[in-house]
Amino acid sequence: MDENEIEGAARNIGGKIQDAAGGLTGDAKLQANGKWNQAAGKAQQTFGEAADEVREYAKTSPLTALALVGTVAFALGFLAKR
């Protein structure tokens, strides 16, 4: 499990608490911050899951992963010259 997954889940839960507290107290700003933190937490959690997938793929198919990285680096170098 990636640390981004853990931090994202925690931020998502914190956002849910903020959203609920804002709803109970009628504080629209707190509620909006809660919704923002929920979205940011979900995004961070998804990033962590994707990073885990890439790491696992690189372990199971190292030559393919190396070829893919080389292709991407070549494409970025080509685009940078333009």
C-alpha atoms as a PDB file:
ATOM      1  CA  MET A   1       0.000   0.000   0.000  1.00  0.00           C
ATOM      2  CA  ASP A   2       1.340   3.389  -1.038  1.00  0.00           C
ATOM      3  CA  GLU A   3       1.539   6.251   1.479  1.00  0.00           C
ATOM      4  CA  ASN A   4      -0.553   8.358  -0.897  1.00  0.00           C
ATOM      5  CA  GLU A   5      -3.372   5.848  -0.526  1.00  0.00           C
ATOM      6  CA  ILE A   6      -3.270   6.158   3.258  1.00  0.00           C
ATOM      7  CA  GLU A   7      -2.985   9.960   3.287  1.00  0.00           C
ATOM      8  CA  GLY A   8      -5.715  10.248   0.656  1.00  0.00           C
ATOM      9  CA  ALA A   9      -8.074   8.043   2.633  1.00  0.00           C
ATOM     10  CA  ALA A  10      -7.406  10.069   5.785  1.00  0.00           C
ATOM     11  CA  ARG A  11      -7.992  13.351   3.945  1.00  0.00           C
ATOM     12  CA  ASN A  12     -11.204  11.978   2.457  1.00  0.00           C
ATOM     13  CA  ILE A  13     -12.482  10.971   5.898  1.00  0.00           C
ATOM     14  CA  GLY A  14     -11.475  14.344   7.347  1.00  0.00           C
ATOM     15  CA  GLY A  15     -13.331  16.040   4.504  1.00  0.00           C
ATOM     16  CA  LYS A  16     -16.458  14.018   5.241  1.00  0.00           C
ATOM     17  CA  ILE A  17     -16.286  15.123   8.873  1.00  0.00           C
ATOM     18  CA  GLN A  18     -15.828  18.772   7.837  1.00  0.00           C
ATOM     19  CA  ASP A  19     -18.708  18.498   5.385  1.00  0.00           C
ATOM     20  CA  ALA A  20     -20.993  17.027   8.042  1.00  0.00           C
ATOM     21  CA  ALA A  21     -19.935  19.588  10.656  1.00  0.00           C
ATOM     22  CA  GLY A  22     -20.512  22.412   8.188  1.00  0.00           C
ATOM     23  CA  GLY A  23     -23.941  21.035   7.374  1.00  0.00           C
ATOM     24  CA  LEU A  24     -24.889  20.753  11.038  1.00  0.00           C
ATOM     25  CA  THR A  25     -23.702  24.243  11.954  1.00  0.00           C
ATOM     26  CA  GLY A  26     -24.806  25.912   8.740  1.00  0.00           C
ATOM     27  CA  ASP A  27     -21.232  26.950   7.939  1.00  0.00           C
ATOM     28  CA  ALA A  28     -21.123  26.911   4.136  1.00  0.00           C
ATOM     29  CA  LYS A  29     -17.379  27.607   4.011  1.00  0.00           C
ATOM     30  CA  LEU A  30     -16.556  24.647   6.276  1.00  0.00           C
ATOM     31  CA  GLN A  31     -18.858  22.448   4.231  1.00  0.00           C
ATOM     32  CA  ALA A  32     -17.211  23.562   0.963  1.00  0.00           C
ATOM     33  CA  ASN A  33     -13.750  22.923   2.433  1.00  0.00           C
ATOM     34  CA  GLY A  34     -14.944  19.476   3.439  1.00  0.00           C
ATOM     35  CA  LYS A  35     -16.117  18.698  -0.067  1.00  0.00           C
ATOM     36  CA  TRP A  36     -12.808  19.980  -1.456  1.00  0.00           C
ATOM     37  CA  ASN A  37     -10.831  17.777   0.940  1.00  0.00           C
ATOM     38  CA  GLN A  38     -12.962  14.780   0.005  1.00  0.00           C
ATOM     39  CA  ALA A  39     -12.229  15.289  -3.691  1.00  0.00           C
ATOM     40  CA  ALA A  40      -8.524  15.907  -3.063  1.00  0.00           C
ATOM     41  CA  GLY A  41      -8.350  12.822  -0.833  1.00  0.00           C
ATOM     42  CA  LYS A  42      -9.984  10.631  -3.464  1.00  0.00           C
ATOM     43  CA  ALA A  43      -7.593  11.944  -6.116  1.00  0.00           C
ATOM     44  CA  GLN A  44      -4.561  11.315  -3.896  1.00  0.00           C
ATOM     45  CA  GLN A  45      -5.819   7.846  -3.061  1.00  0.00           C
ATOM     46  CA  THR A  46      -6.315   7.052  -6.757  1.00  0.00           C
ATOM     47  CA  PHE A  47      -2.799   8.312  -7.506  1.00  0.00           C
ATOM     48  CA  GLY A  48      -1.431   5.980  -4.822  1.00  0.00           C
ATOM     49  CA  GLU A  49      -3.315   3.026  -6.275  1.00  0.00           C
ATOM     50  CA  ALA A  50      -1.974   3.818  -9.748  1.00  0.00           C
ATOM     51  CA  ALA A  51       1.570   4.077  -8.396  1.00  0.00           C
ATOM     52  CA  ASP A  52       1.165   0.644  -6.820  1.00  0.00           C
ATOM     53  CA  GLU A  53      -0.022  -0.773 -10.130  1.00  0.00           C
ATOM     54  CA  VAL A  54       2.944   0.705 -11.999  1.00  0.00           C
ATOM     55  CA  ARG A  55       5.380  -0.602  -9.383  1.00  0.00           C
ATOM     56  CA  GLU A  56       3.853  -4.070  -9.565  1.00  0.00           C
ATOM     57  CA  TYR A  57       3.952  -4.045 -13.385  1.00  0.00           C
ATOM     58  CA  ALA A  58       7.610  -3.023 -13.341  1.00  0.00           C
ATOM     59  CA  LYS A  59       8.381  -5.956 -11.018  1.00  0.00           C
ATOM     60  CA  THR A  60       6.564  -8.525 -13.149  1.00  0.00           C
ATOM     61  CA  SER A  61       7.661  -7.213 -16.582  1.00  0.00           C
ATOM     62  CA  PRO A  62      10.877  -5.242 -16.110  1.00  0.00           C
ATOM     63  CA  LEU A  63      11.986  -5.297 -19.764  1.00  0.00           C
ATOM     64  CA  THR A  64       8.617  -4.123 -21.034  1.00  0.00           C
ATOM     65  CA  ALA A  65       8.525  -1.382 -18.400  1.00  0.00           C
ATOM     66  CA  LEU A  66      12.043  -0.292 -19.360  1.00  0.00           C
ATOM     67  CA  ALA A  67      11.090  -0.167 -23.046  1.00  0.00           C
ATOM     68  CA  LEU A  68       8.004   1.867 -22.206  1.00  0.00           C
ATOM     69  CA  VAL A  69      10.027   4.351 -20.138  1.00  0.00           C
ATOM     70  CA  GLY A  70      12.560   4.655 -22.959  1.00  0.00           C
ATOM     71  CA  THR A  71       9.806   5.325 -25.479  1.00  0.00           C
ATOM     72  CA  VAL A  72       8.226   7.992 -23.291  1.00  0.00           C
ATOM     73  CA  ALA A  73      11.621   9.634 -22.685  1.00  0.00           C
ATOM     74  CA  PHE A  74      12.329   9.641 -26.413  1.00  0.00           C
ATOM     75  CA  ALA A  75       8.928  11.182 -27.163  1.00  0.00           C
ATOM     76  CA  LEU A  76       9.407  13.863 -24.503  1.00  0.00           C
ATOM     77  CA  GLY A  77      12.872  14.653 -25.859  1.00  0.00           C
ATOM     78  CA  PHE A  78      11.455  14.934 -29.354  1.00  0.00           C
ATOM     79  CA  LEU A  79       8.687  17.250 -28.199  1.00  0.00           C
ATOM     80  CA  ALA A  80      11.114  19.378 -26.172  1.00  0.00           C
ATOM     81  CA  LYS A  81      13.193  20.065 -29.289  1.00  0.00           C
ATOM     82  CA  ARG A  82      10.203  21.546 -31.106  1.00  0.00           C
END
